[in-house]
Amino acid sequence: MQDDDELCMCFHVTRRKVVQFIRVQKPKRASQLSECFGAGTGCGWCRPFLRKLMDEANPEAVNLPDPADYSQQRAEYRKNKSS
């Protein structure tokens, strides 16, 4: 996944915006990422990815398993959404 890829499809929030938000704001919980342009508050599809970014930023947190290939999931989501 590239930094400028949309992580949150509903609100068009890129991975770069979320990573920057985590670095600057230092949220304590993944739910606080909703303050980053509404990420994770729409359909919820991006929540596992948001949690993964939080886990990477906070090594003491319990790590979630790696999500399946992001590009494939994103393409499938867009296909289903446009149907």
PDB file of N, CA and C in Angstrom:
ATOM      1  N   MET A   1       0.851  -1.178   0.000  1.00  0.00           N
ATOM      2  CA  MET A   1       0.000   0.000   0.000  1.00  0.00           C
ATOM      3  C   MET A   1       0.893   1.237   0.000  1.00  0.00           C
ATOM      4  N   GLN A   2       0.575   2.150  -0.885  1.00  0.00           N
ATOM      5  CA  GLN A   2       1.344   3.389  -1.008  1.00  0.00           C
ATOM      6  C   GLN A   2       0.764   4.452  -0.066  1.00  0.00           C
ATOM      7  N   ASP A   3       1.568   5.430   0.293  1.00  0.00           N
ATOM      8  CA  ASP A   3       1.127   6.477   1.216  1.00  0.00           C
ATOM      9  C   ASP A   3      -0.075   7.263   0.712  1.00  0.00           C
ATOM     10  N   ASP A   4      -0.186   7.454  -0.603  1.00  0.00           N
ATOM     11  CA  ASP A   4      -1.278   8.256  -1.130  1.00  0.00           C
ATOM     12  C   ASP A   4      -2.497   7.431  -1.541  1.00  0.00           C
ATOM     13  N   ASP A   5      -2.480   6.129  -1.261  1.00  0.00           N
ATOM     14  CA  ASP A   5      -3.662   5.294  -1.493  1.00  0.00           C
ATOM     15  C   ASP A   5      -4.711   5.617  -0.445  1.00  0.00           C
ATOM     16  N   GLU A   6      -5.979   5.597  -0.876  1.00  0.00           N
ATOM     17  CA  GLU A   6      -7.064   5.840   0.082  1.00  0.00           C
ATOM     18  C   GLU A   6      -7.200   4.653   1.001  1.00  0.00           C
ATOM     19  N   LEU A   7      -7.157   4.926   2.274  1.00  0.00           N
ATOM     20  CA  LEU A   7      -7.352   3.897   3.290  1.00  0.00           C
ATOM     21  C   LEU A   7      -8.832   3.834   3.646  1.00  0.00           C
ATOM     22  N   CYS A   8      -9.442   4.994   3.845  1.00  0.00           N
ATOM     23  CA  CYS A   8     -10.872   5.104   4.151  1.00  0.00           C
ATOM     24  C   CYS A   8     -11.581   5.536   2.872  1.00  0.00           C
ATOM     25  N   MET A   9     -12.336   4.605   2.288  1.00  0.00           N
ATOM     26  CA  MET A   9     -13.021   4.881   1.024  1.00  0.00           C
ATOM     27  C   MET A   9     -14.183   5.867   1.195  1.00  0.00           C
ATOM     28  N   CYS A  10     -14.855   5.807   2.317  1.00  0.00           N
ATOM     29  CA  CYS A  10     -16.029   6.665   2.524  1.00  0.00           C
ATOM     30  C   CYS A  10     -15.663   8.144   2.574  1.00  0.00           C
ATOM     31  N   PHE A  11     -14.558   8.454   3.245  1.00  0.00           N
ATOM     32  CA  PHE A  11     -14.179   9.849   3.448  1.00  0.00           C
ATOM     33  C   PHE A  11     -12.879  10.211   2.738  1.00  0.00           C
ATOM     34  N   HIS A  12     -12.386   9.314   1.885  1.00  0.00           N
ATOM     35  CA  HIS A  12     -11.209   9.566   1.045  1.00  0.00           C
ATOM     36  C   HIS A  12      -9.992   9.979   1.865  1.00  0.00           C
ATOM     37  N   VAL A  13      -9.744   9.251   2.950  1.00  0.00           N
ATOM     38  CA  VAL A  13      -8.600   9.532   3.816  1.00  0.00           C
ATOM     39  C   VAL A  13      -7.454   8.625   3.381  1.00  0.00           C
ATOM     40  N   THR A  14      -6.316   9.226   3.079  1.00  0.00           N
ATOM     41  CA  THR A  14      -5.165   8.456   2.622  1.00  0.00           C
ATOM     42  C   THR A  14      -4.385   7.876   3.796  1.00  0.00           C
ATOM     43  N   ARG A  15      -3.566   6.897   3.476  1.00  0.00           N
ATOM     44  CA  ARG A  15      -2.693   6.301   4.488  1.00  0.00           C
ATOM     45  C   ARG A  15      -1.757   7.372   5.053  1.00  0.00           C
ATOM     46  N   ARG A  16      -1.269   8.250   4.187  1.00  0.00           N
ATOM     47  CA  ARG A  16      -0.361   9.322   4.613  1.00  0.00           C
ATOM     48  C   ARG A  16      -1.011  10.203   5.692  1.00  0.00           C
ATOM     49  N   LYS A  17      -2.291  10.558   5.493  1.00  0.00           N
ATOM     50  CA  LYS A  17      -2.987  11.405   6.473  1.00  0.00           C
ATOM     51  C   LYS A  17      -3.103  10.707   7.819  1.00  0.00           C
ATOM     52  N   VAL A  18      -3.412   9.416   7.787  1.00  0.00           N
ATOM     53  CA  VAL A  18      -3.571   8.668   9.042  1.00  0.00           C
ATOM     54  C   VAL A  18      -2.237   8.533   9.756  1.00  0.00           C
ATOM     55  N   VAL A  19      -1.191   8.196   9.024  1.00  0.00           N
ATOM     56  CA  VAL A  19       0.136   8.049   9.628  1.00  0.00           C
ATOM     57  C   VAL A  19       0.589   9.374  10.235  1.00  0.00           C
ATOM     58  N   GLN A  20       0.378  10.458   9.517  1.00  0.00           N
ATOM     59  CA  GLN A  20       0.747  11.784  10.028  1.00  0.00           C
ATOM     60  C   GLN A  20      -0.072  12.131  11.273  1.00  0.00           C
ATOM     61  N   PHE A  21      -1.363  11.820  11.252  1.00  0.00           N
ATOM     62  CA  PHE A  21      -2.225  12.079  12.404  1.00  0.00           C
ATOM     63  C   PHE A  21      -1.717  11.310  13.626  1.00  0.00           C
ATOM     64  N   ILE A  22      -1.364  10.042  13.440  1.00  0.00           N
ATOM     65  CA  ILE A  22      -0.856   9.231  14.549  1.00  0.00           C
ATOM     66  C   ILE A  22       0.444   9.829  15.082  1.00  0.00           C
ATOM     67  N   ARG A  23       1.326  10.240  14.176  1.00  0.00           N
ATOM     68  CA  ARG A  23       2.627  10.790  14.585  1.00  0.00           C
ATOM     69  C   ARG A  23       2.472  12.089  15.371  1.00  0.00           C
ATOM     70  N   VAL A  24       1.575  12.965  14.921  1.00  0.00           N
ATOM     71  CA  VAL A  24       1.434  14.281  15.540  1.00  0.00           C
ATOM     72  C   VAL A  24       0.526  14.244  16.774  1.00  0.00           C
ATOM     73  N   GLN A  25      -0.643  13.638  16.637  1.00  0.00           N
ATOM     74  CA  GLN A  25      -1.647  13.661  17.704  1.00  0.00           C
ATOM     75  C   GLN A  25      -1.441  12.588  18.773  1.00  0.00           C
ATOM     76  N   LYS A  26      -0.733  11.507  18.427  1.00  0.00           N
ATOM     77  CA  LYS A  26      -0.451  10.409  19.355  1.00  0.00           C
ATOM     78  C   LYS A  26      -1.720   9.879  20.049  1.00  0.00           C
ATOM     79  N   PRO A  27      -2.711   9.418  19.261  1.00  0.00           N
ATOM     80  CA  PRO A  27      -3.937   8.903  19.868  1.00  0.00           C
ATOM     81  C   PRO A  27      -3.650   7.662  20.712  1.00  0.00           C
ATOM     82  N   LYS A  28      -4.433   7.487  21.759  1.00  0.00           N
ATOM     83  CA  LYS A  28      -4.265   6.351  22.671  1.00  0.00           C
ATOM     84  C   LYS A  28      -5.036   5.125  22.197  1.00  0.00           C
ATOM     85  N   ARG A  29      -6.125   5.352  21.462  1.00  0.00           N
ATOM     86  CA  ARG A  29      -6.988   4.262  20.996  1.00  0.00           C
ATOM     87  C   ARG A  29      -7.241   4.429  19.505  1.00  0.00           C
ATOM     88  N   ALA A  30      -7.470   3.287  18.829  1.00  0.00           N
ATOM     89  CA  ALA A  30      -7.759   3.330  17.391  1.00  0.00           C
ATOM     90  C   ALA A  30      -9.023   4.128  17.106  1.00  0.00           C
ATOM     91  N   SER A  31      -9.969   4.115  18.026  1.00  0.00           N
ATOM     92  CA  SER A  31     -11.218   4.857  17.806  1.00  0.00           C
ATOM     93  C   SER A  31     -10.975   6.361  17.682  1.00  0.00           C
ATOM     94  N   GLN A  32      -9.881   6.852  18.228  1.00  0.00           N
ATOM     95  CA  GLN A  32      -9.562   8.275  18.132  1.00  0.00           C
ATOM     96  C   GLN A  32      -9.121   8.671  16.721  1.00  0.00           C
ATOM     97  N   LEU A  33      -8.864   7.690  15.869  1.00  0.00           N
ATOM     98  CA  LEU A  33      -8.511   8.000  14.483  1.00  0.00           C
ATOM     99  C   LEU A  33      -9.695   8.581  13.725  1.00  0.00           C
ATOM    100  N   SER A  34     -10.892   8.476  14.286  1.00  0.00           N
ATOM    101  CA  SER A  34     -12.062   9.091  13.647  1.00  0.00           C
ATOM    102  C   SER A  34     -11.903  10.605  13.570  1.00  0.00           C
ATOM    103  N   GLU A  35     -11.060  11.170  14.421  1.00  0.00           N
ATOM    104  CA  GLU A  35     -10.791  12.601  14.391  1.00  0.00           C
ATOM    105  C   GLU A  35      -9.941  12.988  13.176  1.00  0.00           C
ATOM    106  N   CYS A  36      -9.414  12.007  12.472  1.00  0.00           N
ATOM    107  CA  CYS A  36      -8.617  12.237  11.266  1.00  0.00           C
ATOM    108  C   CYS A  36      -9.550  12.180  10.062  1.00  0.00           C
ATOM    109  N   PHE A  37     -10.243  13.274   9.819  1.00  0.00           N
ATOM    110  CA  PHE A  37     -11.142  13.426   8.674  1.00  0.00           C
ATOM    111  C   PHE A  37     -12.257  12.386   8.639  1.00  0.00           C
ATOM    112  N   GLY A  38     -12.628  11.823   9.799  1.00  0.00           N
ATOM    113  CA  GLY A  38     -13.731  10.862   9.868  1.00  0.00           C
ATOM    114  C   GLY A  38     -13.339   9.440   9.540  1.00  0.00           C
ATOM    115  N   ALA A  39     -12.066   9.151   9.440  1.00  0.00           N
ATOM    116  CA  ALA A  39     -11.620   7.797   9.082  1.00  0.00           C
ATOM    117  C   ALA A  39     -12.257   6.750   9.996  1.00  0.00           C
ATOM    118  N   GLY A  40     -12.788   5.710   9.372  1.00  0.00           N
ATOM    119  CA  GLY A  40     -13.354   4.590  10.120  1.00  0.00           C
ATOM    120  C   GLY A  40     -14.778   4.765  10.587  1.00  0.00           C
ATOM    121  N   THR A  41     -15.409   5.900  10.288  1.00  0.00           N
ATOM    122  CA  THR A  41     -16.769   6.141  10.802  1.00  0.00           C
ATOM    123  C   THR A  41     -17.858   5.855   9.785  1.00  0.00           C
ATOM    124  N   GLY A  42     -17.475   5.472   8.574  1.00  0.00           N
ATOM    125  CA  GLY A  42     -18.474   5.173   7.546  1.00  0.00           C
ATOM    126  C   GLY A  42     -18.852   3.708   7.595  1.00  0.00           C
ATOM    127  N   CYS A  43     -18.517   2.992   6.554  1.00  0.00           N
ATOM    128  CA  CYS A  43     -18.917   1.588   6.430  1.00  0.00           C
ATOM    129  C   CYS A  43     -18.129   0.668   7.350  1.00  0.00           C
ATOM    130  N   GLY A  44     -16.940   1.089   7.797  1.00  0.00           N
ATOM    131  CA  GLY A  44     -16.137   0.282   8.709  1.00  0.00           C
ATOM    132  C   GLY A  44     -15.131  -0.624   8.031  1.00  0.00           C
ATOM    133  N   TRP A  45     -15.090  -0.625   6.712  1.00  0.00           N
ATOM    134  CA  TRP A  45     -14.190  -1.505   5.980  1.00  0.00           C
ATOM    135  C   TRP A  45     -12.723  -1.252   6.344  1.00  0.00           C
ATOM    136  N   CYS A  46     -12.357  -0.013   6.612  1.00  0.00           N
ATOM    137  CA  CYS A  46     -10.954   0.331   6.851  1.00  0.00           C
ATOM    138  C   CYS A  46     -10.505   0.116   8.296  1.00  0.00           C
ATOM    139  N   ARG A  47     -11.411  -0.203   9.176  1.00  0.00           N
ATOM    140  CA  ARG A  47     -11.040  -0.302  10.599  1.00  0.00           C
ATOM    141  C   ARG A  47      -9.895  -1.277  10.881  1.00  0.00           C
ATOM    142  N   PRO A  48      -9.852  -2.458  10.242  1.00  0.00           N
ATOM    143  CA  PRO A  48      -8.696  -3.335  10.506  1.00  0.00           C
ATOM    144  C   PRO A  48      -7.370  -2.693  10.103  1.00  0.00           C
ATOM    145  N   PHE A  49      -7.370  -1.919   9.036  1.00  0.00           N
ATOM    146  CA  PHE A  49      -6.152  -1.251   8.586  1.00  0.00           C
ATOM    147  C   PHE A  49      -5.770  -0.124   9.546  1.00  0.00           C
ATOM    148  N   LEU A  50      -6.770   0.593  10.055  1.00  0.00           N
ATOM    149  CA  LEU A  50      -6.504   1.647  11.029  1.00  0.00           C
ATOM    150  C   LEU A  50      -5.897   1.047  12.299  1.00  0.00           C
ATOM    151  N   ARG A  51      -6.451  -0.077  12.749  1.00  0.00           N
ATOM    152  CA  ARG A  51      -5.907  -0.742  13.941  1.00  0.00           C
ATOM    153  C   ARG A  51      -4.474  -1.195  13.699  1.00  0.00           C
ATOM    154  N   LYS A  52      -4.212  -1.691  12.501  1.00  0.00           N
ATOM    155  CA  LYS A  52      -2.860  -2.141  12.162  1.00  0.00           C
ATOM    156  C   LYS A  52      -1.873  -0.974  12.221  1.00  0.00           C
ATOM    157  N   LEU A  53      -2.247   0.184  11.701  1.00  0.00           N
ATOM    158  CA  LEU A  53      -1.374   1.356  11.774  1.00  0.00           C
ATOM    159  C   LEU A  53      -1.142   1.779  13.220  1.00  0.00           C
ATOM    160  N   MET A  54      -2.180   1.690  14.035  1.00  0.00           N
ATOM    161  CA  MET A  54      -2.022   2.010  15.462  1.00  0.00           C
ATOM    162  C   MET A  54      -1.070   1.021  16.128  1.00  0.00           C
ATOM    163  N   ASP A  55      -1.214  -0.254  15.800  1.00  0.00           N
ATOM    164  CA  ASP A  55      -0.331  -1.277  16.366  1.00  0.00           C
ATOM    165  C   ASP A  55       1.124  -1.032  15.975  1.00  0.00           C
ATOM    166  N   GLU A  56       1.340  -0.633  14.729  1.00  0.00           N
ATOM    167  CA  GLU A  56       2.708  -0.348  14.272  1.00  0.00           C
ATOM    168  C   GLU A  56       3.289   0.851  15.004  1.00  0.00           C
ATOM    169  N   ALA A  57       2.462   1.826  15.317  1.00  0.00           N
ATOM    170  CA  ALA A  57       2.924   3.032  16.001  1.00  0.00           C
ATOM    171  C   ALA A  57       3.141   2.784  17.493  1.00  0.00           C
ATOM    172  N   ASN A  58       2.449   1.781  18.040  1.00  0.00           N
ATOM    173  CA  ASN A  58       2.542   1.472  19.463  1.00  0.00           C
ATOM    174  C   ASN A  58       2.963   0.015  19.620  1.00  0.00           C
ATOM    175  N   PRO A  59       4.268  -0.258  19.654  1.00  0.00           N
ATOM    176  CA  PRO A  59       4.750  -1.644  19.694  1.00  0.00           C
ATOM    177  C   PRO A  59       4.292  -2.435  20.917  1.00  0.00           C
ATOM    178  N   GLU A  60       3.922  -1.746  21.990  1.00  0.00           N
ATOM    179  CA  GLU A  60       3.476  -2.454  23.194  1.00  0.00           C
ATOM    180  C   GLU A  60       2.069  -3.023  23.040  1.00  0.00           C
ATOM    181  N   ALA A  61       1.333  -2.524  22.071  1.00  0.00           N
ATOM    182  CA  ALA A  61      -0.038  -2.988  21.854  1.00  0.00           C
ATOM    183  C   ALA A  61      -0.021  -4.398  21.267  1.00  0.00           C
ATOM    184  N   VAL A  62      -1.099  -5.106  21.467  1.00  0.00           N
ATOM    185  CA  VAL A  62      -1.242  -6.441  20.894  1.00  0.00           C
ATOM    186  C   VAL A  62      -1.416  -6.300  19.388  1.00  0.00           C
ATOM    187  N   ASN A  63      -0.595  -6.983  18.633  1.00  0.00           N
ATOM    188  CA  ASN A  63      -0.656  -6.876  17.180  1.00  0.00           C
ATOM    189  C   ASN A  63      -1.760  -7.743  16.606  1.00  0.00           C
ATOM    190  N   LEU A  64      -2.490  -7.198  15.655  1.00  0.00           N
ATOM    191  CA  LEU A  64      -3.489  -7.956  14.915  1.00  0.00           C
ATOM    192  C   LEU A  64      -2.799  -8.699  13.783  1.00  0.00           C
ATOM    193  N   PRO A  65      -3.386  -9.774  13.306  1.00  0.00           N
ATOM    194  CA  PRO A  65      -2.790 -10.430  12.140  1.00  0.00           C
ATOM    195  C   PRO A  65      -2.783  -9.487  10.941  1.00  0.00           C
ATOM    196  N   ASP A  66      -1.820  -9.656  10.070  1.00  0.00           N
ATOM    197  CA  ASP A  66      -1.747  -8.810   8.872  1.00  0.00           C
ATOM    198  C   ASP A  66      -3.001  -8.978   8.032  1.00  0.00           C
ATOM    199  N   PRO A  67      -3.604  -7.866   7.589  1.00  0.00           N
ATOM    200  CA  PRO A  67      -4.757  -7.979   6.697  1.00  0.00           C
ATOM    201  C   PRO A  67      -4.323  -8.594   5.366  1.00  0.00           C
ATOM    202  N   ALA A  68      -5.258  -9.219   4.690  1.00  0.00           N
ATOM    203  CA  ALA A  68      -4.967  -9.780   3.367  1.00  0.00           C
ATOM    204  C   ALA A  68      -4.546  -8.657   2.433  1.00  0.00           C
ATOM    205  N   ASP A  69      -4.110  -9.007   1.274  1.00  0.00           N
ATOM    206  CA  ASP A  69      -3.618  -8.025   0.323  1.00  0.00           C
ATOM    207  C   ASP A  69      -4.585  -6.858   0.166  1.00  0.00           C
ATOM    208  N   TYR A  70      -4.131  -5.672   0.540  1.00  0.00           N
ATOM    209  CA  TYR A  70      -4.976  -4.476   0.538  1.00  0.00           C
ATOM    210  C   TYR A  70      -5.511  -4.160  -0.851  1.00  0.00           C
ATOM    211  N   SER A  71      -4.664  -4.224  -1.853  1.00  0.00           N
ATOM    212  CA  SER A  71      -5.086  -3.858  -3.209  1.00  0.00           C
ATOM    213  C   SER A  71      -6.231  -4.729  -3.689  1.00  0.00           C
ATOM    214  N   GLN A  72      -6.147  -6.024  -3.428  1.00  0.00           N
ATOM    215  CA  GLN A  72      -7.199  -6.947  -3.842  1.00  0.00           C
ATOM    216  C   GLN A  72      -8.500  -6.636  -3.103  1.00  0.00           C
ATOM    217  N   GLN A  73      -8.418  -6.413  -1.802  1.00  0.00           N
ATOM    218  CA  GLN A  73      -9.618  -6.094  -1.025  1.00  0.00           C
ATOM    219  C   GLN A  73     -10.231  -4.785  -1.489  1.00  0.00           C
ATOM    220  N   ARG A  74      -9.395  -3.802  -1.784  1.00  0.00           N
ATOM    221  CA  ARG A  74      -9.899  -2.503  -2.222  1.00  0.00           C
ATOM    222  C   ARG A  74     -10.617  -2.623  -3.563  1.00  0.00           C
ATOM    223  N   ALA A  75     -10.029  -3.370  -4.489  1.00  0.00           N
ATOM    224  CA  ALA A  75     -10.649  -3.555  -5.803  1.00  0.00           C
ATOM    225  C   ALA A  75     -11.995  -4.269  -5.667  1.00  0.00           C
ATOM    226  N   GLU A  76     -12.048  -5.275  -4.816  1.00  0.00           N
ATOM    227  CA  GLU A  76     -13.306  -6.000  -4.602  1.00  0.00           C
ATOM    228  C   GLU A  76     -14.350  -5.098  -3.956  1.00  0.00           C
ATOM    229  N   TYR A  77     -13.929  -4.288  -2.990  1.00  0.00           N
ATOM    230  CA  TYR A  77     -14.852  -3.371  -2.324  1.00  0.00           C
ATOM    231  C   TYR A  77     -15.443  -2.379  -3.338  1.00  0.00           C
ATOM    232  N   ARG A  78     -14.592  -1.802  -4.162  1.00  0.00           N
ATOM    233  CA  ARG A  78     -15.064  -0.831  -5.146  1.00  0.00           C
ATOM    234  C   ARG A  78     -16.011  -1.484  -6.160  1.00  0.00           C
ATOM    235  N   LYS A  79     -15.690  -2.703  -6.554  1.00  0.00           N
ATOM    236  CA  LYS A  79     -16.543  -3.426  -7.493  1.00  0.00           C
ATOM    237  C   LYS A  79     -17.925  -3.653  -6.887  1.00  0.00           C
ATOM    238  N   ASN A  80     -17.961  -4.106  -5.641  1.00  0.00           N
ATOM    239  CA  ASN A  80     -19.237  -4.367  -4.960  1.00  0.00           C
ATOM    240  C   ASN A  80     -20.000  -3.074  -4.699  1.00  0.00           C
ATOM    241  N   LYS A  81     -19.290  -2.015  -4.389  1.00  0.00           N
ATOM    242  CA  LYS A  81     -19.933  -0.737  -4.080  1.00  0.00           C
ATOM    243  C   LYS A  81     -20.586  -0.136  -5.321  1.00  0.00           C
ATOM    244  N   SER A  82     -19.970  -0.338  -6.484  1.00  0.00           N
ATOM    245  CA  SER A  82     -20.517   0.237  -7.708  1.00  0.00           C
ATOM    246  C   SER A  82     -21.642  -0.610  -8.291  1.00  0.00           C
ATOM    247  N   SER A  83     -21.798  -1.819  -7.801  1.00  0.00           N
ATOM    248  CA  SER A  83     -22.869  -2.709  -8.316  1.00  0.00           C
ATOM    249  C   SER A  83     -24.229  -2.339  -7.783  1.00  0.00           C
TER     250      SER A  83
END
